[in-house]
Amino acid sequence: MTDFALFLDFDGTLVEIAPRPDQVVVPQELAPALLRLRDRLGGALAIVTGRPIAVIDDFLSPARFDVAGLHGVERRVDGVVSGGSAEDHPALRARIAGLKDAVRDLESVLIEDKGASVAVHWRLATPTDAAKAEEAVKAAASDLGADYRLQLGKAVGEIVPASATKGHAIRALSEAPPYAGRRAMFLGDDLTDEKAFAVVNEEGGVSVRIGGSDTIATRRLTDPDAVRALIYAWADGAPMDPDALPPA
């Protein structure tokens, strides 16, 4: 066992980003390696993602992991789920129909309704339609007021509860067994992960940015292939030495 608590983003970190959210390809050996690594860490491994818990379960089936989903709106630790109910967000639910209408005629723009949050994807759209989609989701977020915020990422804008960030999610997980008292390590690839890097850095942990963008993370890996290679090595007993990772 090591003294680390490992927190992992999913899209762009464990797996390559796909043109559509449902087209992600998960290597067959990934979930078994994560299970072995979780055992090595005494259970202190969690997925911290903008995806719902149920979607992560589908991708990694039949394995089940601790998950902070929807940027921390919902959490599952040791099988116990909290938060994430769509019924808790009537104002957001009331805005979704209008948001769908606003992007209906934009080719290749996709609405992903997650219940307690909603994302607009424009990865496959033309630059003109992408700009219109971004404008539409910004307007919807503004109309919702201070209870919600807009989280921009790679060709996506997501409206989430204002209190939901991956940084808050990692803080909450770190207060409970088996994460408490361990040094946090978080791997992520997007703007949505920078708030988590800030929290991990403040607590003396290890922050690892995937890809070449500007970051406050202290370490960097090139792509999900490099992440998986590291996870497979750690799962099979290689030293978990953050100083051996390339600096950001």
C-alpha atoms as a PDB file:
ATOM      1  CA  MET A   1       0.000   0.000   0.000  1.00  0.00           C
ATOM      2  CA  THR A   2       1.143   3.575  -0.678  1.00  0.00           C
ATOM      3  CA  ASP A   3       0.257   6.833   1.053  1.00  0.00           C
ATOM      4  CA  PHE A   4      -1.469   8.311  -2.020  1.00  0.00           C
ATOM      5  CA  ALA A   5      -5.140   8.903  -2.705  1.00  0.00           C
ATOM      6  CA  LEU A   6      -5.578   8.794  -6.473  1.00  0.00           C
ATOM      7  CA  PHE A   7      -8.263  10.868  -8.223  1.00  0.00           C
ATOM      8  CA  LEU A   8      -8.731  10.412 -11.970  1.00  0.00           C
ATOM      9  CA  ASP A   9     -10.653  12.364 -14.582  1.00  0.00           C
ATOM     10  CA  PHE A  10     -12.253  10.174 -17.261  1.00  0.00           C
ATOM     11  CA  ASP A  11     -12.631  11.787 -20.727  1.00  0.00           C
ATOM     12  CA  GLY A  12      -9.309  12.968 -22.112  1.00  0.00           C
ATOM     13  CA  THR A  13      -7.421  11.378 -19.218  1.00  0.00           C
ATOM     14  CA  LEU A  14      -8.267   7.685 -18.881  1.00  0.00           C
ATOM     15  CA  VAL A  15      -9.773   7.515 -22.375  1.00  0.00           C
ATOM     16  CA  GLU A  16      -9.507   9.564 -25.551  1.00  0.00           C
ATOM     17  CA  ILE A  17     -12.184  12.198 -26.155  1.00  0.00           C
ATOM     18  CA  ALA A  18     -14.662  10.997 -28.774  1.00  0.00           C
ATOM     19  CA  PRO A  19     -16.633  13.055 -31.330  1.00  0.00           C
ATOM     20  CA  ARG A  20     -19.792  12.216 -29.366  1.00  0.00           C
ATOM     21  CA  PRO A  21     -19.922  11.444 -25.620  1.00  0.00           C
ATOM     22  CA  ASP A  22     -21.430   7.991 -26.226  1.00  0.00           C
ATOM     23  CA  GLN A  23     -18.666   6.969 -28.659  1.00  0.00           C
ATOM     24  CA  VAL A  24     -15.866   6.707 -26.102  1.00  0.00           C
ATOM     25  CA  VAL A  25     -13.771   3.544 -26.451  1.00  0.00           C
ATOM     26  CA  VAL A  26     -12.565   1.982 -23.194  1.00  0.00           C
ATOM     27  CA  PRO A  27      -9.635  -0.445 -23.543  1.00  0.00           C
ATOM     28  CA  GLN A  28     -10.546  -3.878 -22.197  1.00  0.00           C
ATOM     29  CA  GLU A  29      -7.608  -3.938 -19.801  1.00  0.00           C
ATOM     30  CA  LEU A  30      -8.324  -0.550 -18.188  1.00  0.00           C
ATOM     31  CA  ALA A  31     -10.939  -1.513 -15.582  1.00  0.00           C
ATOM     32  CA  PRO A  32      -9.031  -4.605 -14.360  1.00  0.00           C
ATOM     33  CA  ALA A  33      -5.889  -2.481 -13.982  1.00  0.00           C
ATOM     34  CA  LEU A  34      -7.820   0.152 -12.027  1.00  0.00           C
ATOM     35  CA  LEU A  35      -9.133  -2.579  -9.720  1.00  0.00           C
ATOM     36  CA  ARG A  36      -5.615  -3.845  -9.077  1.00  0.00           C
ATOM     37  CA  LEU A  37      -4.383  -0.328  -8.433  1.00  0.00           C
ATOM     38  CA  ARG A  38      -7.286   0.367  -6.083  1.00  0.00           C
ATOM     39  CA  ASP A  39      -6.345  -2.709  -4.090  1.00  0.00           C
ATOM     40  CA  ARG A  40      -2.746  -1.514  -3.919  1.00  0.00           C
ATOM     41  CA  LEU A  41      -3.989   1.865  -2.628  1.00  0.00           C
ATOM     42  CA  GLY A  42      -6.156   0.306   0.058  1.00  0.00           C
ATOM     43  CA  GLY A  43      -9.292   1.479  -1.751  1.00  0.00           C
ATOM     44  CA  ALA A  44      -8.207   5.126  -2.170  1.00  0.00           C
ATOM     45  CA  LEU A  45      -8.985   5.513  -5.882  1.00  0.00           C
ATOM     46  CA  ALA A  46     -11.890   7.518  -7.308  1.00  0.00           C
ATOM     47  CA  ILE A  47     -13.077   8.783 -10.686  1.00  0.00           C
ATOM     48  CA  VAL A  48     -13.757  12.550 -10.620  1.00  0.00           C
ATOM     49  CA  THR A  49     -15.703  13.487 -13.735  1.00  0.00           C
ATOM     50  CA  GLY A  50     -18.362  15.561 -15.399  1.00  0.00           C
ATOM     51  CA  ARG A  51     -20.144  12.343 -16.356  1.00  0.00           C
ATOM     52  CA  PRO A  52     -22.990  10.890 -14.276  1.00  0.00           C
ATOM     53  CA  ILE A  53     -22.041   7.954 -12.064  1.00  0.00           C
ATOM     54  CA  ALA A  54     -24.293   5.624 -14.071  1.00  0.00           C
ATOM     55  CA  VAL A  55     -22.443   6.426 -17.304  1.00  0.00           C
ATOM     56  CA  ILE A  56     -19.058   5.701 -15.721  1.00  0.00           C
ATOM     57  CA  ASP A  57     -20.468   2.405 -14.468  1.00  0.00           C
ATOM     58  CA  ASP A  58     -21.563   1.506 -18.003  1.00  0.00           C
ATOM     59  CA  PHE A  59     -18.149   2.281 -19.457  1.00  0.00           C
ATOM     60  CA  LEU A  60     -16.213   0.365 -16.778  1.00  0.00           C
ATOM     61  CA  SER A  61     -18.705  -2.478 -16.243  1.00  0.00           C
ATOM     62  CA  PRO A  62     -18.767  -4.759 -14.364  1.00  0.00           C
ATOM     63  CA  ALA A  63     -16.294  -2.927 -12.102  1.00  0.00           C
ATOM     64  CA  ARG A  64     -17.660  -0.323  -9.698  1.00  0.00           C
ATOM     65  CA  PHE A  65     -15.500   2.486  -8.344  1.00  0.00           C
ATOM     66  CA  ASP A  66     -15.934   5.434  -6.025  1.00  0.00           C
ATOM     67  CA  VAL A  67     -17.082   8.273  -8.287  1.00  0.00           C
ATOM     68  CA  ALA A  68     -17.628  12.004  -7.953  1.00  0.00           C
ATOM     69  CA  GLY A  69     -19.946  12.612 -10.902  1.00  0.00           C
ATOM     70  CA  LEU A  70     -21.329  15.751 -12.532  1.00  0.00           C
ATOM     71  CA  HIS A  71     -18.335  17.750 -11.235  1.00  0.00           C
ATOM     72  CA  GLY A  72     -19.170  16.618  -7.706  1.00  0.00           C
ATOM     73  CA  VAL A  73     -22.955  17.124  -7.746  1.00  0.00           C
ATOM     74  CA  GLU A  74     -23.293  13.400  -7.056  1.00  0.00           C
ATOM     75  CA  ARG A  75     -20.900  11.116  -5.199  1.00  0.00           C
ATOM     76  CA  ARG A  76     -20.607   7.407  -4.500  1.00  0.00           C
ATOM     77  CA  VAL A  77     -18.209   6.275  -1.810  1.00  0.00           C
ATOM     78  CA  ASP A  78     -18.105   2.658  -0.657  1.00  0.00           C
ATOM     79  CA  GLY A  79     -21.370   2.022  -2.511  1.00  0.00           C
ATOM     80  CA  VAL A  80     -23.310   4.880  -0.881  1.00  0.00           C
ATOM     81  CA  VAL A  81     -24.673   7.483  -3.345  1.00  0.00           C
ATOM     82  CA  SER A  82     -25.488  11.079  -2.392  1.00  0.00           C
ATOM     83  CA  GLY A  83     -26.711  14.106  -4.382  1.00  0.00           C
ATOM     84  CA  GLY A  84     -27.368  14.356  -8.102  1.00  0.00           C
ATOM     85  CA  SER A  85     -31.176  14.276  -8.173  1.00  0.00           C
ATOM     86  CA  ALA A  86     -32.734  16.121 -11.120  1.00  0.00           C
ATOM     87  CA  GLU A  87     -35.738  16.944  -8.925  1.00  0.00           C
ATOM     88  CA  ASP A  88     -33.474  19.137  -6.784  1.00  0.00           C
ATOM     89  CA  HIS A  89     -32.948  21.506  -9.739  1.00  0.00           C
ATOM     90  CA  PRO A  90     -36.352  22.722 -10.990  1.00  0.00           C
ATOM     91  CA  ALA A  91     -34.982  26.023 -12.321  1.00  0.00           C
ATOM     92  CA  LEU A  92     -32.439  24.186 -14.464  1.00  0.00           C
ATOM     93  CA  ARG A  93     -35.023  21.679 -15.657  1.00  0.00           C
ATOM     94  CA  ALA A  94     -37.281  24.547 -16.727  1.00  0.00           C
ATOM     95  CA  ARG A  95     -34.510  26.047 -18.896  1.00  0.00           C
ATOM     96  CA  ILE A  96     -33.567  22.904 -20.815  1.00  0.00           C
ATOM     97  CA  ALA A  97     -36.459  22.981 -23.304  1.00  0.00           C
ATOM     98  CA  GLY A  98     -35.575  26.539 -24.274  1.00  0.00           C
ATOM     99  CA  LEU A  99     -31.910  25.623 -24.631  1.00  0.00           C
ATOM    100  CA  LYS A 100     -32.816  22.737 -26.915  1.00  0.00           C
ATOM    101  CA  ASP A 101     -34.926  25.086 -29.034  1.00  0.00           C
ATOM    102  CA  ALA A 102     -32.044  27.555 -29.267  1.00  0.00           C
ATOM    103  CA  VAL A 103     -29.672  24.967 -30.786  1.00  0.00           C
ATOM    104  CA  ARG A 104     -32.197  22.834 -32.655  1.00  0.00           C
ATOM    105  CA  ASP A 105     -31.213  24.137 -36.100  1.00  0.00           C
ATOM    106  CA  LEU A 106     -27.465  24.032 -35.468  1.00  0.00           C
ATOM    107  CA  GLU A 107     -25.986  21.071 -37.316  1.00  0.00           C
ATOM    108  CA  SER A 108     -23.886  18.654 -35.230  1.00  0.00           C
ATOM    109  CA  VAL A 109     -24.566  20.477 -31.939  1.00  0.00           C
ATOM    110  CA  LEU A 110     -25.523  18.019 -29.217  1.00  0.00           C
ATOM    111  CA  ILE A 111     -27.394  18.556 -25.941  1.00  0.00           C
ATOM    112  CA  GLU A 112     -26.414  16.148 -23.145  1.00  0.00           C
ATOM    113  CA  ASP A 113     -29.029  16.267 -20.391  1.00  0.00           C
ATOM    114  CA  LYS A 114     -27.488  14.838 -17.210  1.00  0.00           C
ATOM    115  CA  GLY A 115     -30.403  15.575 -14.887  1.00  0.00           C
ATOM    116  CA  ALA A 116     -28.678  17.859 -12.404  1.00  0.00           C
ATOM    117  CA  SER A 117     -26.627  19.543 -15.141  1.00  0.00           C
ATOM    118  CA  VAL A 118     -26.802  20.041 -18.898  1.00  0.00           C
ATOM    119  CA  ALA A 119     -23.997  20.190 -21.457  1.00  0.00           C
ATOM    120  CA  VAL A 120     -23.924  21.560 -24.992  1.00  0.00           C
ATOM    121  CA  HIS A 121     -21.307  19.948 -27.255  1.00  0.00           C
ATOM    122  CA  TRP A 122     -20.108  21.554 -30.497  1.00  0.00           C
ATOM    123  CA  ARG A 123     -17.018  19.491 -31.338  1.00  0.00           C
ATOM    124  CA  LEU A 124     -18.433  18.456 -34.752  1.00  0.00           C
ATOM    125  CA  ALA A 125     -20.092  21.786 -35.575  1.00  0.00           C
ATOM    126  CA  THR A 126     -18.934  24.432 -38.034  1.00  0.00           C
ATOM    127  CA  PRO A 127     -17.200  27.438 -36.445  1.00  0.00           C
ATOM    128  CA  THR A 128     -20.333  29.543 -37.016  1.00  0.00           C
ATOM    129  CA  ASP A 129     -22.655  27.016 -35.394  1.00  0.00           C
ATOM    130  CA  ALA A 130     -20.161  26.397 -32.590  1.00  0.00           C
ATOM    131  CA  ALA A 131     -20.162  30.103 -31.786  1.00  0.00           C
ATOM    132  CA  LYS A 132     -23.983  30.152 -31.761  1.00  0.00           C
ATOM    133  CA  ALA A 133     -24.089  27.099 -29.484  1.00  0.00           C
ATOM    134  CA  GLU A 134     -21.641  28.689 -27.048  1.00  0.00           C
ATOM    135  CA  GLU A 135     -23.695  31.890 -27.058  1.00  0.00           C
ATOM    136  CA  ALA A 136     -26.886  29.917 -26.350  1.00  0.00           C
ATOM    137  CA  VAL A 137     -25.481  28.041 -23.356  1.00  0.00           C
ATOM    138  CA  LYS A 138     -23.935  31.229 -21.982  1.00  0.00           C
ATOM    139  CA  ALA A 139     -27.300  32.967 -22.215  1.00  0.00           C
ATOM    140  CA  ALA A 140     -29.079  30.082 -20.470  1.00  0.00           C
ATOM    141  CA  ALA A 141     -26.521  30.071 -17.664  1.00  0.00           C
ATOM    142  CA  SER A 142     -26.842  33.832 -17.238  1.00  0.00           C
ATOM    143  CA  ASP A 143     -30.634  33.582 -17.023  1.00  0.00           C
ATOM    144  CA  LEU A 144     -30.341  31.011 -14.220  1.00  0.00           C
ATOM    145  CA  GLY A 145     -28.464  33.437 -11.995  1.00  0.00           C
ATOM    146  CA  ALA A 146     -26.086  32.860  -9.129  1.00  0.00           C
ATOM    147  CA  ASP A 147     -27.266  29.353  -8.218  1.00  0.00           C
ATOM    148  CA  TYR A 148     -25.644  27.967 -11.375  1.00  0.00           C
ATOM    149  CA  ARG A 149     -22.437  28.540 -13.293  1.00  0.00           C
ATOM    150  CA  LEU A 150     -21.145  27.825 -16.780  1.00  0.00           C
ATOM    151  CA  GLN A 151     -18.230  25.397 -17.014  1.00  0.00           C
ATOM    152  CA  LEU A 152     -16.453  25.690 -20.381  1.00  0.00           C
ATOM    153  CA  GLY A 153     -14.286  22.846 -21.641  1.00  0.00           C
ATOM    154  CA  LYS A 154     -13.020  21.418 -24.920  1.00  0.00           C
ATOM    155  CA  ALA A 155     -15.821  22.273 -27.402  1.00  0.00           C
ATOM    156  CA  VAL A 156     -18.410  22.040 -24.623  1.00  0.00           C
ATOM    157  CA  GLY A 157     -20.262  24.333 -22.268  1.00  0.00           C
ATOM    158  CA  GLU A 158     -21.969  22.845 -19.231  1.00  0.00           C
ATOM    159  CA  ILE A 159     -24.376  24.443 -16.777  1.00  0.00           C
ATOM    160  CA  VAL A 160     -23.815  23.047 -13.289  1.00  0.00           C
ATOM    161  CA  PRO A 161     -24.850  24.033  -9.767  1.00  0.00           C
ATOM    162  CA  ALA A 162     -22.616  26.859  -8.567  1.00  0.00           C
ATOM    163  CA  SER A 163     -21.272  24.783  -5.675  1.00  0.00           C
ATOM    164  CA  ALA A 164     -20.174  21.919  -7.936  1.00  0.00           C
ATOM    165  CA  THR A 165     -16.485  21.809  -8.862  1.00  0.00           C
ATOM    166  CA  LYS A 166     -14.022  18.969  -9.043  1.00  0.00           C
ATOM    167  CA  GLY A 167     -12.001  20.805  -6.414  1.00  0.00           C
ATOM    168  CA  HIS A 168     -14.902  20.678  -3.953  1.00  0.00           C
ATOM    169  CA  ALA A 169     -15.417  17.015  -4.840  1.00  0.00           C
ATOM    170  CA  ILE A 170     -11.800  16.115  -4.046  1.00  0.00           C
ATOM    171  CA  ARG A 171     -11.951  18.017  -0.750  1.00  0.00           C
ATOM    172  CA  ALA A 172     -15.086  16.121   0.235  1.00  0.00           C
ATOM    173  CA  LEU A 173     -13.647  12.737  -0.720  1.00  0.00           C
ATOM    174  CA  SER A 174     -10.405  13.520   1.102  1.00  0.00           C
ATOM    175  CA  GLU A 175     -12.230  13.951   4.394  1.00  0.00           C
ATOM    176  CA  ALA A 176     -13.521  10.366   4.461  1.00  0.00           C
ATOM    177  CA  PRO A 177     -11.880   6.940   4.689  1.00  0.00           C
ATOM    178  CA  PRO A 178      -9.950   5.549   2.909  1.00  0.00           C
ATOM    179  CA  TYR A 179      -8.818   8.903   1.442  1.00  0.00           C
ATOM    180  CA  ALA A 180      -8.346  10.870   4.668  1.00  0.00           C
ATOM    181  CA  GLY A 181      -4.750  11.405   5.744  1.00  0.00           C
ATOM    182  CA  ARG A 182      -3.294  10.533   2.354  1.00  0.00           C
ATOM    183  CA  ARG A 183      -1.506  12.721  -0.182  1.00  0.00           C
ATOM    184  CA  ALA A 184      -3.879  13.512  -3.051  1.00  0.00           C
ATOM    185  CA  MET A 185      -2.859  12.961  -6.657  1.00  0.00           C
ATOM    186  CA  PHE A 186      -5.207  14.158  -9.403  1.00  0.00           C
ATOM    187  CA  LEU A 187      -4.875  13.601 -13.155  1.00  0.00           C
ATOM    188  CA  GLY A 188      -6.990  15.708 -15.535  1.00  0.00           C
ATOM    189  CA  ASP A 189      -6.891  17.222 -18.997  1.00  0.00           C
ATOM    190  CA  ASP A 190      -9.288  20.171 -19.265  1.00  0.00           C
ATOM    191  CA  LEU A 191     -10.282  23.593 -17.966  1.00  0.00           C
ATOM    192  CA  THR A 192     -12.748  21.799 -15.707  1.00  0.00           C
ATOM    193  CA  ASP A 193      -9.776  20.219 -13.925  1.00  0.00           C
ATOM    194  CA  GLU A 194      -7.866  23.397 -13.104  1.00  0.00           C
ATOM    195  CA  LYS A 195      -9.997  24.088  -9.992  1.00  0.00           C
ATOM    196  CA  ALA A 196      -9.122  20.612  -8.779  1.00  0.00           C
ATOM    197  CA  PHE A 197      -5.422  21.218  -9.467  1.00  0.00           C
ATOM    198  CA  ALA A 198      -5.643  24.352  -7.311  1.00  0.00           C
ATOM    199  CA  VAL A 199      -7.091  22.408  -4.389  1.00  0.00           C
ATOM    200  CA  VAL A 200      -4.570  19.592  -4.717  1.00  0.00           C
ATOM    201  CA  ASN A 201      -1.679  22.064  -4.924  1.00  0.00           C
ATOM    202  CA  GLU A 202      -2.892  23.931  -1.822  1.00  0.00           C
ATOM    203  CA  GLU A 203      -2.941  20.671   0.113  1.00  0.00           C
ATOM    204  CA  GLY A 204       0.561  19.660  -0.943  1.00  0.00           C
ATOM    205  CA  GLY A 205      -0.621  16.989  -3.367  1.00  0.00           C
ATOM    206  CA  VAL A 206       0.391  16.094  -6.911  1.00  0.00           C
ATOM    207  CA  SER A 207      -1.436  17.663  -9.879  1.00  0.00           C
ATOM    208  CA  VAL A 208      -0.917  16.176 -13.347  1.00  0.00           C
ATOM    209  CA  ARG A 209      -2.179  17.863 -16.526  1.00  0.00           C
ATOM    210  CA  ILE A 210      -2.773  15.651 -19.558  1.00  0.00           C
ATOM    211  CA  GLY A 211      -1.879  17.376 -22.826  1.00  0.00           C
ATOM    212  CA  GLY A 212      -0.059  20.540 -23.727  1.00  0.00           C
ATOM    213  CA  SER A 213      -2.319  23.380 -22.581  1.00  0.00           C
ATOM    214  CA  ASP A 214      -1.379  26.032 -20.028  1.00  0.00           C
ATOM    215  CA  THR A 215      -1.957  24.810 -16.501  1.00  0.00           C
ATOM    216  CA  ILE A 216      -1.316  25.331 -12.816  1.00  0.00           C
ATOM    217  CA  ALA A 217      -0.581  21.617 -12.462  1.00  0.00           C
ATOM    218  CA  THR A 218       2.935  20.714 -11.405  1.00  0.00           C
ATOM    219  CA  ARG A 219       3.367  17.626 -13.597  1.00  0.00           C
ATOM    220  CA  ARG A 220       2.326  16.674 -17.134  1.00  0.00           C
ATOM    221  CA  LEU A 221       1.665  13.609 -19.275  1.00  0.00           C
ATOM    222  CA  THR A 222       1.197  13.779 -23.029  1.00  0.00           C
ATOM    223  CA  ASP A 223      -2.074  11.906 -23.609  1.00  0.00           C
ATOM    224  CA  PRO A 224      -4.376   9.114 -22.337  1.00  0.00           C
ATOM    225  CA  ASP A 225      -2.000   6.485 -23.743  1.00  0.00           C
ATOM    226  CA  ALA A 226       0.675   7.771 -21.364  1.00  0.00           C
ATOM    227  CA  VAL A 227      -1.823   7.822 -18.489  1.00  0.00           C
ATOM    228  CA  ARG A 228      -2.883   4.238 -19.093  1.00  0.00           C
ATOM    229  CA  ALA A 229       0.727   3.077 -19.385  1.00  0.00           C
ATOM    230  CA  LEU A 230       1.409   4.642 -15.992  1.00  0.00           C
ATOM    231  CA  ILE A 231      -1.695   3.097 -14.432  1.00  0.00           C
ATOM    232  CA  TYR A 232      -0.820  -0.343 -15.790  1.00  0.00           C
ATOM    233  CA  ALA A 233       2.706  -0.029 -14.367  1.00  0.00           C
ATOM    234  CA  TRP A 234       1.449   1.172 -10.977  1.00  0.00           C
ATOM    235  CA  ALA A 235      -1.160  -1.595 -10.903  1.00  0.00           C
ATOM    236  CA  ASP A 236       1.623  -4.120 -11.338  1.00  0.00           C
ATOM    237  CA  GLY A 237       3.768  -2.702  -8.535  1.00  0.00           C
ATOM    238  CA  ALA A 238       5.929   0.033 -10.087  1.00  0.00           C
ATOM    239  CA  PRO A 239       6.882   2.825  -7.638  1.00  0.00           C
ATOM    240  CA  MET A 240       4.374   5.687  -7.409  1.00  0.00           C
ATOM    241  CA  ASP A 241       6.987   8.419  -7.533  1.00  0.00           C
ATOM    242  CA  PRO A 242       5.582  11.841  -8.573  1.00  0.00           C
ATOM    243  CA  ASP A 243       9.121  13.225  -8.926  1.00  0.00           C
ATOM    244  CA  ALA A 244       9.611  10.812 -11.828  1.00  0.00           C
ATOM    245  CA  LEU A 245       6.777  12.424 -13.801  1.00  0.00           C
ATOM    246  CA  PRO A 246       7.674  15.165 -16.309  1.00  0.00           C
ATOM    247  CA  PRO A 247       7.233  18.707 -14.950  1.00  0.00           C
ATOM    248  CA  ALA A 248       4.475  20.875 -16.357  1.00  0.00           C
END
